[in-house]
PDB file of N, CA and C in Angstrom:
ATOM      1  N   UNK A   1      36.874  40.687  26.337  1.00  0.00           N
ATOM      2  CA  UNK A   1      36.695  41.983  25.688  1.00  0.00           C
ATOM      3  C   UNK A   1      37.589  42.040  24.451  1.00  0.00           C
ATOM      4  N   UNK A   2      36.992  42.402  23.336  1.00  0.00           N
ATOM      5  CA  UNK A   2      37.767  42.547  22.101  1.00  0.00           C
ATOM      6  C   UNK A   2      38.184  43.999  21.938  1.00  0.00           C
ATOM      7  N   UNK A   3      39.436  44.206  21.601  1.00  0.00           N
ATOM      8  CA  UNK A   3      39.976  45.569  21.496  1.00  0.00           C
ATOM      9  C   UNK A   3      39.516  46.293  20.242  1.00  0.00           C
ATOM     10  N   UNK A   4      38.838  45.600  19.322  1.00  0.00           N
ATOM     11  CA  UNK A   4      38.400  46.252  18.091  1.00  0.00           C
ATOM     12  C   UNK A   4      36.895  46.520  18.046  1.00  0.00           C
ATOM     13  N   UNK A   5      36.182  46.231  19.140  1.00  0.00           N
ATOM     14  CA  UNK A   5      34.737  46.450  19.169  1.00  0.00           C
ATOM     15  C   UNK A   5      34.395  47.812  19.769  1.00  0.00           C
ATOM     16  N   UNK A   6      33.409  48.474  19.160  1.00  0.00           N
ATOM     17  CA  UNK A   6      32.934  49.777  19.623  1.00  0.00           C
ATOM     18  C   UNK A   6      31.419  49.708  19.762  1.00  0.00           C
ATOM     19  N   UNK A   7      30.919  49.880  20.978  1.00  0.00           N
ATOM     20  CA  UNK A   7      29.475  49.904  21.206  1.00  0.00           C
ATOM     21  C   UNK A   7      28.950  51.287  20.850  1.00  0.00           C
ATOM     22  N   UNK A   8      27.866  51.344  20.071  1.00  0.00           N
ATOM     23  CA  UNK A   8      27.278  52.619  19.664  1.00  0.00           C
ATOM     24  C   UNK A   8      25.865  52.724  20.226  1.00  0.00           C
ATOM     25  N   UNK A   9      25.621  53.796  20.944  1.00  0.00           N
ATOM     26  CA  UNK A   9      24.323  54.100  21.536  1.00  0.00           C
ATOM     27  C   UNK A   9      23.861  55.416  20.929  1.00  0.00           C
ATOM     28  N   UNK A  10      22.879  55.334  20.022  1.00  0.00           N
ATOM     29  CA  UNK A  10      22.418  56.535  19.323  1.00  0.00           C
ATOM     30  C   UNK A  10      20.960  56.354  18.918  1.00  0.00           C
ATOM     31  N   UNK A  11      20.309  57.431  18.451  1.00  0.00           N
ATOM     32  CA  UNK A  11      18.934  57.296  17.960  1.00  0.00           C
ATOM     33  C   UNK A  11      18.876  56.401  16.721  1.00  0.00           C
ATOM     34  N   UNK A  12      17.763  55.706  16.564  1.00  0.00           N
ATOM     35  CA  UNK A  12      17.564  54.873  15.375  1.00  0.00           C
ATOM     36  C   UNK A  12      16.326  55.365  14.637  1.00  0.00           C
ATOM     37  N   UNK A  13      16.540  56.377  13.823  1.00  0.00           N
ATOM     38  CA  UNK A  13      15.459  56.890  12.996  1.00  0.00           C
ATOM     39  C   UNK A  13      16.051  57.502  11.739  1.00  0.00           C
ATOM     40  N   UNK A  14      15.188  57.836  10.818  1.00  0.00           N
ATOM     41  CA  UNK A  14      15.648  58.359   9.524  1.00  0.00           C
ATOM     42  C   UNK A  14      16.362  59.697   9.656  1.00  0.00           C
ATOM     43  N   UNK A  15      15.998  60.506  10.652  1.00  0.00           N
ATOM     44  CA  UNK A  15      16.662  61.799  10.827  1.00  0.00           C
ATOM     45  C   UNK A  15      18.107  61.642  11.277  1.00  0.00           C
ATOM     46  N   UNK A  16      18.396  60.580  12.029  1.00  0.00           N
ATOM     47  CA  UNK A  16      19.762  60.379  12.537  1.00  0.00           C
ATOM     48  C   UNK A  16      20.654  59.636  11.553  1.00  0.00           C
ATOM     49  N   UNK A  17      20.071  58.912  10.606  1.00  0.00           N
ATOM     50  CA  UNK A  17      20.852  58.079   9.698  1.00  0.00           C
ATOM     51  C   UNK A  17      21.978  58.831   8.983  1.00  0.00           C
ATOM     52  N   UNK A  18      21.787  60.095   8.532  1.00  0.00           N
ATOM     53  CA  UNK A  18      22.899  60.808   7.888  1.00  0.00           C
ATOM     54  C   UNK A  18      24.119  61.006   8.804  1.00  0.00           C
ATOM     55  N   UNK A  19      23.940  60.958  10.118  1.00  0.00           N
ATOM     56  CA  UNK A  19      25.065  61.045  11.051  1.00  0.00           C
ATOM     57  C   UNK A  19      25.653  59.661  11.352  1.00  0.00           C
ATOM     58  N   UNK A  20      24.787  58.656  11.415  1.00  0.00           N
ATOM     59  CA  UNK A  20      25.240  57.308  11.726  1.00  0.00           C
ATOM     60  C   UNK A  20      26.089  56.715  10.610  1.00  0.00           C
ATOM     61  N   UNK A  21      25.707  56.965   9.384  1.00  0.00           N
ATOM     62  CA  UNK A  21      26.413  56.388   8.237  1.00  0.00           C
ATOM     63  C   UNK A  21      27.905  56.761   8.212  1.00  0.00           C
ATOM     64  N   UNK A  22      28.294  58.040   8.338  1.00  0.00           N
ATOM     65  CA  UNK A  22      29.729  58.360   8.352  1.00  0.00           C
ATOM     66  C   UNK A  22      30.437  57.852   9.608  1.00  0.00           C
ATOM     67  N   UNK A  23      29.719  57.761  10.725  1.00  0.00           N
ATOM     68  CA  UNK A  23      30.321  57.217  11.939  1.00  0.00           C
ATOM     69  C   UNK A  23      30.706  55.753  11.718  1.00  0.00           C
ATOM     70  N   UNK A  24      29.787  54.984  11.156  1.00  0.00           N
ATOM     71  CA  UNK A  24      30.071  53.574  10.874  1.00  0.00           C
ATOM     72  C   UNK A  24      31.203  53.430   9.860  1.00  0.00           C
ATOM     73  N   UNK A  25      31.203  54.280   8.828  1.00  0.00           N
ATOM     74  CA  UNK A  25      32.267  54.238   7.827  1.00  0.00           C
ATOM     75  C   UNK A  25      33.630  54.513   8.467  1.00  0.00           C
ATOM     76  N   UNK A  26      33.699  55.553   9.293  1.00  0.00           N
ATOM     77  CA  UNK A  26      34.962  55.940   9.925  1.00  0.00           C
ATOM     78  C   UNK A  26      35.489  54.841  10.835  1.00  0.00           C
ATOM     79  N   UNK A  27      34.619  54.267  11.656  1.00  0.00           N
ATOM     80  CA  UNK A  27      35.056  53.194  12.555  1.00  0.00           C
ATOM     81  C   UNK A  27      35.559  51.990  11.768  1.00  0.00           C
ATOM     82  N   UNK A  28      34.843  51.641  10.716  1.00  0.00           N
ATOM     83  CA  UNK A  28      35.250  50.509   9.879  1.00  0.00           C
ATOM     84  C   UNK A  28      36.577  50.815   9.182  1.00  0.00           C
ATOM     85  N   UNK A  29      36.735  52.027   8.684  1.00  0.00           N
ATOM     86  CA  UNK A  29      37.975  52.438   8.023  1.00  0.00           C
ATOM     87  C   UNK A  29      39.169  52.331   8.977  1.00  0.00           C
ATOM     88  N   UNK A  30      38.933  52.613  10.257  1.00  0.00           N
ATOM     89  CA  UNK A  30      39.994  52.546  11.264  1.00  0.00           C
ATOM     90  C   UNK A  30      40.255  51.114  11.748  1.00  0.00           C
ATOM     91  N   UNK A  31      39.530  50.150  11.180  1.00  0.00           N
ATOM     92  CA  UNK A  31      39.734  48.757  11.558  1.00  0.00           C
ATOM     93  C   UNK A  31      38.963  48.334  12.794  1.00  0.00           C
ATOM     94  N   UNK A  32      38.000  49.149  13.192  1.00  0.00           N
ATOM     95  CA  UNK A  32      37.172  48.831  14.357  1.00  0.00           C
ATOM     96  C   UNK A  32      35.847  48.221  13.892  1.00  0.00           C
ATOM     97  N   UNK A  33      35.186  47.523  14.804  1.00  0.00           N
ATOM     98  CA  UNK A  33      33.927  46.862  14.471  1.00  0.00           C
ATOM     99  C   UNK A  33      32.808  47.409  15.352  1.00  0.00           C
ATOM    100  N   UNK A  34      31.903  48.218  14.757  1.00  0.00           N
ATOM    101  CA  UNK A  34      30.811  48.802  15.530  1.00  0.00           C
ATOM    102  C   UNK A  34      29.784  47.748  15.942  1.00  0.00           C
ATOM    103  N   UNK A  35      29.285  47.895  17.147  1.00  0.00           N
ATOM    104  CA  UNK A  35      28.188  47.085  17.669  1.00  0.00           C
ATOM    105  C   UNK A  35      27.072  48.058  18.002  1.00  0.00           C
ATOM    106  N   UNK A  36      25.936  47.920  17.335  1.00  0.00           N
ATOM    107  CA  UNK A  36      24.824  48.843  17.523  1.00  0.00           C
ATOM    108  C   UNK A  36      23.798  48.215  18.442  1.00  0.00           C
ATOM    109  N   UNK A  37      23.250  49.013  19.342  1.00  0.00           N
ATOM    110  CA  UNK A  37      22.362  48.492  20.377  1.00  0.00           C
ATOM    111  C   UNK A  37      21.006  48.040  19.863  1.00  0.00           C
ATOM    112  N   UNK A  38      20.689  48.291  18.636  1.00  0.00           N
ATOM    113  CA  UNK A  38      19.415  47.835  18.085  1.00  0.00           C
ATOM    114  C   UNK A  38      19.458  46.320  17.924  1.00  0.00           C
ATOM    115  N   UNK A  39      18.497  45.622  18.485  1.00  0.00           N
ATOM    116  CA  UNK A  39      18.450  44.162  18.390  1.00  0.00           C
ATOM    117  C   UNK A  39      17.308  43.737  17.484  1.00  0.00           C
ATOM    118  N   UNK A  40      17.460  42.591  16.858  1.00  0.00           N
ATOM    119  CA  UNK A  40      16.452  42.106  15.929  1.00  0.00           C
ATOM    120  C   UNK A  40      15.651  40.936  16.488  1.00  0.00           C
ATOM    121  N   UNK A  41      16.116  40.299  17.546  1.00  0.00           N
ATOM    122  CA  UNK A  41      15.444  39.137  18.127  1.00  0.00           C
ATOM    123  C   UNK A  41      14.473  39.609  19.207  1.00  0.00           C
ATOM    124  N   UNK A  42      13.176  39.574  18.890  1.00  0.00           N
ATOM    125  CA  UNK A  42      12.193  40.078  19.851  1.00  0.00           C
ATOM    126  C   UNK A  42      12.035  39.156  21.050  1.00  0.00           C
ATOM    127  N   UNK A  43      12.528  37.918  20.969  1.00  0.00           N
ATOM    128  CA  UNK A  43      12.443  37.000  22.088  1.00  0.00           C
ATOM    129  C   UNK A  43      13.562  37.171  23.090  1.00  0.00           C
ATOM    130  N   UNK A  44      14.521  37.993  22.762  1.00  0.00           N
ATOM    131  CA  UNK A  44      15.682  38.200  23.627  1.00  0.00           C
ATOM    132  C   UNK A  44      15.444  39.405  24.537  1.00  0.00           C
ATOM    133  N   UNK A  45      15.895  39.318  25.766  1.00  0.00           N
ATOM    134  CA  UNK A  45      15.782  40.453  26.673  1.00  0.00           C
ATOM    135  C   UNK A  45      16.768  41.526  26.197  1.00  0.00           C
ATOM    136  N   UNK A  46      16.236  42.647  25.752  1.00  0.00           N
ATOM    137  CA  UNK A  46      17.047  43.702  25.128  1.00  0.00           C
ATOM    138  C   UNK A  46      18.144  44.227  26.061  1.00  0.00           C
ATOM    139  N   UNK A  47      17.813  44.419  27.312  1.00  0.00           N
ATOM    140  CA  UNK A  47      18.788  44.965  28.246  1.00  0.00           C
ATOM    141  C   UNK A  47      19.969  44.017  28.439  1.00  0.00           C
ATOM    142  N   UNK A  48      19.720  42.720  28.466  1.00  0.00           N
ATOM    143  CA  UNK A  48      20.817  41.749  28.589  1.00  0.00           C
ATOM    144  C   UNK A  48      21.712  41.791  27.360  1.00  0.00           C
ATOM    145  N   UNK A  49      21.112  41.900  26.188  1.00  0.00           N
ATOM    146  CA  UNK A  49      21.883  41.965  24.938  1.00  0.00           C
ATOM    147  C   UNK A  49      22.760  43.225  24.920  1.00  0.00           C
ATOM    148  N   UNK A  50      22.194  44.353  25.334  1.00  0.00           N
ATOM    149  CA  UNK A  50      22.942  45.613  25.369  1.00  0.00           C
ATOM    150  C   UNK A  50      24.104  45.508  26.352  1.00  0.00           C
ATOM    151  N   UNK A  51      23.847  44.977  27.540  1.00  0.00           N
ATOM    152  CA  UNK A  51      24.906  44.815  28.545  1.00  0.00           C
ATOM    153  C   UNK A  51      26.029  43.917  28.005  1.00  0.00           C
ATOM    154  N   UNK A  52      25.674  42.826  27.352  1.00  0.00           N
ATOM    155  CA  UNK A  52      26.679  41.923  26.791  1.00  0.00           C
ATOM    156  C   UNK A  52      27.517  42.620  25.720  1.00  0.00           C
ATOM    157  N   UNK A  53      26.869  43.420  24.858  1.00  0.00           N
ATOM    158  CA  UNK A  53      27.618  44.150  23.830  1.00  0.00           C
ATOM    159  C   UNK A  53      28.569  45.158  24.470  1.00  0.00           C
ATOM    160  N   UNK A  54      28.120  45.832  25.520  1.00  0.00           N
ATOM    161  CA  UNK A  54      28.976  46.791  26.218  1.00  0.00           C
ATOM    162  C   UNK A  54      30.180  46.099  26.853  1.00  0.00           C
ATOM    163  N   UNK A  55      29.934  44.967  27.477  1.00  0.00           N
ATOM    164  CA  UNK A  55      31.017  44.256  28.164  1.00  0.00           C
ATOM    165  C   UNK A  55      32.027  43.667  27.176  1.00  0.00           C
ATOM    166  N   UNK A  56      31.580  43.355  25.955  1.00  0.00           N
ATOM    167  CA  UNK A  56      32.468  42.813  24.931  1.00  0.00           C
ATOM    168  C   UNK A  56      33.283  43.890  24.233  1.00  0.00           C
ATOM    169  N   UNK A  57      32.862  45.149  24.344  1.00  0.00           N
ATOM    170  CA  UNK A  57      33.492  46.243  23.590  1.00  0.00           C
ATOM    171  C   UNK A  57      34.498  47.011  24.443  1.00  0.00           C
ATOM    172  N   UNK A  58      35.623  47.329  23.830  1.00  0.00           N
ATOM    173  CA  UNK A  58      36.636  48.131  24.527  1.00  0.00           C
ATOM    174  C   UNK A  58      36.238  49.604  24.570  1.00  0.00           C
ATOM    175  N   UNK A  59      35.567  50.063  23.517  1.00  0.00           N
ATOM    176  CA  UNK A  59      35.183  51.470  23.391  1.00  0.00           C
ATOM    177  C   UNK A  59      33.667  51.584  23.307  1.00  0.00           C
ATOM    178  N   UNK A  60      33.161  52.779  23.582  1.00  0.00           N
ATOM    179  CA  UNK A  60      31.742  53.046  23.376  1.00  0.00           C
ATOM    180  C   UNK A  60      31.545  54.503  22.974  1.00  0.00           C
ATOM    181  N   UNK A  61      30.503  54.714  22.199  1.00  0.00           N
ATOM    182  CA  UNK A  61      30.110  56.054  21.767  1.00  0.00           C
ATOM    183  C   UNK A  61      28.650  56.228  22.151  1.00  0.00           C
ATOM    184  N   UNK A  62      28.358  57.273  22.902  1.00  0.00           N
ATOM    185  CA  UNK A  62      26.991  57.558  23.347  1.00  0.00           C
ATOM    186  C   UNK A  62      26.606  58.949  22.859  1.00  0.00           C
ATOM    187  N   UNK A  63      25.678  59.019  21.917  1.00  0.00           N
ATOM    188  CA  UNK A  63      25.195  60.305  21.423  1.00  0.00           C
ATOM    189  C   UNK A  63      23.916  60.651  22.176  1.00  0.00           C
ATOM    190  N   UNK A  64      24.033  61.576  23.111  1.00  0.00           N
ATOM    191  CA  UNK A  64      22.897  61.977  23.945  1.00  0.00           C
ATOM    192  C   UNK A  64      22.266  63.284  23.470  1.00  0.00           C
ATOM    193  N   UNK A  65      22.538  63.661  22.235  1.00  0.00           N
ATOM    194  CA  UNK A  65      22.084  64.958  21.740  1.00  0.00           C
ATOM    195  C   UNK A  65      20.590  64.997  21.426  1.00  0.00           C
ATOM    196  N   UNK A  66      19.947  63.823  21.344  1.00  0.00           N
ATOM    197  CA  UNK A  66      18.530  63.804  20.979  1.00  0.00           C
ATOM    198  C   UNK A  66      17.721  63.035  22.011  1.00  0.00           C
ATOM    199  N   UNK A  67      17.371  63.707  23.080  1.00  0.00           N
ATOM    200  CA  UNK A  67      16.556  63.071  24.110  1.00  0.00           C
ATOM    201  C   UNK A  67      15.167  63.710  24.187  1.00  0.00           C
ATOM    202  N   UNK A  68      14.830  64.531  23.215  1.00  0.00           N
ATOM    203  CA  UNK A  68      13.522  65.193  23.238  1.00  0.00           C
ATOM    204  C   UNK A  68      12.426  64.189  22.858  1.00  0.00           C
ATOM    205  N   UNK A  69      11.187  64.495  23.229  1.00  0.00           N
ATOM    206  CA  UNK A  69      10.077  63.614  22.852  1.00  0.00           C
ATOM    207  C   UNK A  69       9.919  63.540  21.334  1.00  0.00           C
ATOM    208  N   UNK A  70       9.434  62.410  20.847  1.00  0.00           N
ATOM    209  CA  UNK A  70       9.180  62.276  19.412  1.00  0.00           C
ATOM    210  C   UNK A  70       8.005  63.148  18.980  1.00  0.00           C
ATOM    211  N   UNK A  71       7.012  63.267  19.861  1.00  0.00           N
ATOM    212  CA  UNK A  71       5.846  64.128  19.622  1.00  0.00           C
ATOM    213  C   UNK A  71       5.703  65.061  20.819  1.00  0.00           C
ATOM    214  N   UNK A  72       5.122  66.237  20.650  1.00  0.00           N
ATOM    215  CA  UNK A  72       5.017  67.189  21.765  1.00  0.00           C
ATOM    216  C   UNK A  72       4.384  66.623  23.036  1.00  0.00           C
ATOM    217  N   UNK A  73       3.417  65.733  22.929  1.00  0.00           N
ATOM    218  CA  UNK A  73       2.734  65.207  24.117  1.00  0.00           C
ATOM    219  C   UNK A  73       3.460  64.006  24.736  1.00  0.00           C
ATOM    220  N   UNK A  74       4.487  63.479  24.073  1.00  0.00           N
ATOM    221  CA  UNK A  74       5.223  62.314  24.574  1.00  0.00           C
ATOM    222  C   UNK A  74       6.227  62.694  25.650  1.00  0.00           C
ATOM    223  N   UNK A  75       6.721  61.681  26.337  1.00  0.00           N
ATOM    224  CA  UNK A  75       7.800  61.870  27.301  1.00  0.00           C
ATOM    225  C   UNK A  75       9.142  61.868  26.569  1.00  0.00           C
ATOM    226  N   UNK A  76      10.182  62.476  27.149  1.00  0.00           N
ATOM    227  CA  UNK A  76      11.505  62.448  26.519  1.00  0.00           C
ATOM    228  C   UNK A  76      12.033  61.016  26.386  1.00  0.00           C
ATOM    229  N   UNK A  77      12.976  60.842  25.485  1.00  0.00           N
ATOM    230  CA  UNK A  77      13.588  59.544  25.243  1.00  0.00           C
ATOM    231  C   UNK A  77      14.771  59.378  26.191  1.00  0.00           C
ATOM    232  N   UNK A  78      14.580  58.628  27.261  1.00  0.00           N
ATOM    233  CA  UNK A  78      15.622  58.454  28.263  1.00  0.00           C
ATOM    234  C   UNK A  78      16.360  57.130  28.136  1.00  0.00           C
ATOM    235  N   UNK A  79      16.095  56.349  27.097  1.00  0.00           N
ATOM    236  CA  UNK A  79      16.794  55.079  26.952  1.00  0.00           C
ATOM    237  C   UNK A  79      18.291  55.285  26.675  1.00  0.00           C
ATOM    238  N   UNK A  80      18.650  56.318  25.926  1.00  0.00           N
ATOM    239  CA  UNK A  80      20.068  56.525  25.606  1.00  0.00           C
ATOM    240  C   UNK A  80      20.876  56.946  26.836  1.00  0.00           C
ATOM    241  N   UNK A  81      20.425  57.892  27.680  1.00  0.00           N
ATOM    242  CA  UNK A  81      21.194  58.180  28.888  1.00  0.00           C
ATOM    243  C   UNK A  81      21.193  57.001  29.864  1.00  0.00           C
ATOM    244  N   UNK A  82      20.115  56.208  29.859  1.00  0.00           N
ATOM    245  CA  UNK A  82      20.059  55.011  30.698  1.00  0.00           C
ATOM    246  C   UNK A  82      21.149  54.026  30.272  1.00  0.00           C
ATOM    247  N   UNK A  83      21.271  53.784  28.958  1.00  0.00           N
ATOM    248  CA  UNK A  83      22.309  52.891  28.450  1.00  0.00           C
ATOM    249  C   UNK A  83      23.702  53.451  28.736  1.00  0.00           C
ATOM    250  N   UNK A  84      23.874  54.757  28.652  1.00  0.00           N
ATOM    251  CA  UNK A  84      25.158  55.380  28.975  1.00  0.00           C
ATOM    252  C   UNK A  84      25.501  55.119  30.443  1.00  0.00           C
ATOM    253  N   UNK A  85      24.522  55.227  31.322  1.00  0.00           N
ATOM    254  CA  UNK A  85      24.737  54.963  32.742  1.00  0.00           C
ATOM    255  C   UNK A  85      25.118  53.516  33.006  1.00  0.00           C
ATOM    256  N   UNK A  86      24.505  52.594  32.290  1.00  0.00           N
ATOM    257  CA  UNK A  86      24.869  51.174  32.424  1.00  0.00           C
ATOM    258  C   UNK A  86      26.323  50.979  32.018  1.00  0.00           C
ATOM    259  N   UNK A  87      26.710  51.562  30.888  1.00  0.00           N
ATOM    260  CA  UNK A  87      28.092  51.441  30.411  1.00  0.00           C
ATOM    261  C   UNK A  87      29.068  52.048  31.411  1.00  0.00           C
ATOM    262  N   UNK A  88      28.714  53.194  31.966  1.00  0.00           N
ATOM    263  CA  UNK A  88      29.554  53.847  32.980  1.00  0.00           C
ATOM    264  C   UNK A  88      29.732  52.932  34.181  1.00  0.00           C
ATOM    265  N   UNK A  89      28.630  52.317  34.629  1.00  0.00           N
ATOM    266  CA  UNK A  89      28.705  51.394  35.765  1.00  0.00           C
ATOM    267  C   UNK A  89      29.550  50.176  35.476  1.00  0.00           C
ATOM    268  N   UNK A  90      29.439  49.640  34.274  1.00  0.00           N
ATOM    269  CA  UNK A  90      30.251  48.487  33.886  1.00  0.00           C
ATOM    270  C   UNK A  90      31.727  48.852  33.937  1.00  0.00           C
ATOM    271  N   UNK A  91      32.062  50.014  33.432  1.00  0.00           N
ATOM    272  CA  UNK A  91      33.471  50.436  33.410  1.00  0.00           C
ATOM    273  C   UNK A  91      33.984  50.774  34.790  1.00  0.00           C
ATOM    274  N   UNK A  92      33.153  51.286  35.681  1.00  0.00           N
ATOM    275  CA  UNK A  92      33.574  51.569  37.053  1.00  0.00           C
ATOM    276  C   UNK A  92      33.868  50.271  37.799  1.00  0.00           C
ATOM    277  N   UNK A  93      33.078  49.241  37.503  1.00  0.00           N
ATOM    278  CA  UNK A  93      33.266  47.974  38.211  1.00  0.00           C
ATOM    279  C   UNK A  93      34.564  47.274  37.813  1.00  0.00           C
ATOM    280  N   UNK A  94      35.151  47.686  36.685  1.00  0.00           N
ATOM    281  CA  UNK A  94      36.400  47.043  36.251  1.00  0.00           C
ATOM    282  C   UNK A  94      37.647  47.800  36.716  1.00  0.00           C
ATOM    283  N   UNK A  95      37.443  48.899  37.452  1.00  0.00           N
ATOM    284  CA  UNK A  95      38.583  49.700  37.923  1.00  0.00           C
ATOM    285  C   UNK A  95      39.145  49.098  39.196  1.00  0.00           C
TER     286      UNK A  95
END
């Protein structure tokens, strides 16, 4: 575990970007290195990559403020609370 890594779990869309940008700036200014859960390798199992990033990071930030459906007929977005629960479980197992 690196003491300067921060896992970030947040929405990835244009509406959230104005909030993400200052968060990344602040963490970088403080000498921390953000790790964002968005992955670019479609051949990689996303959940394994997220778990590895969480386990490598000393800190985590979970923004659960936007779990509403993207469209009225869609289901809510539960991936962010799911990832928060995984992180919580990882941290409980190290106690």
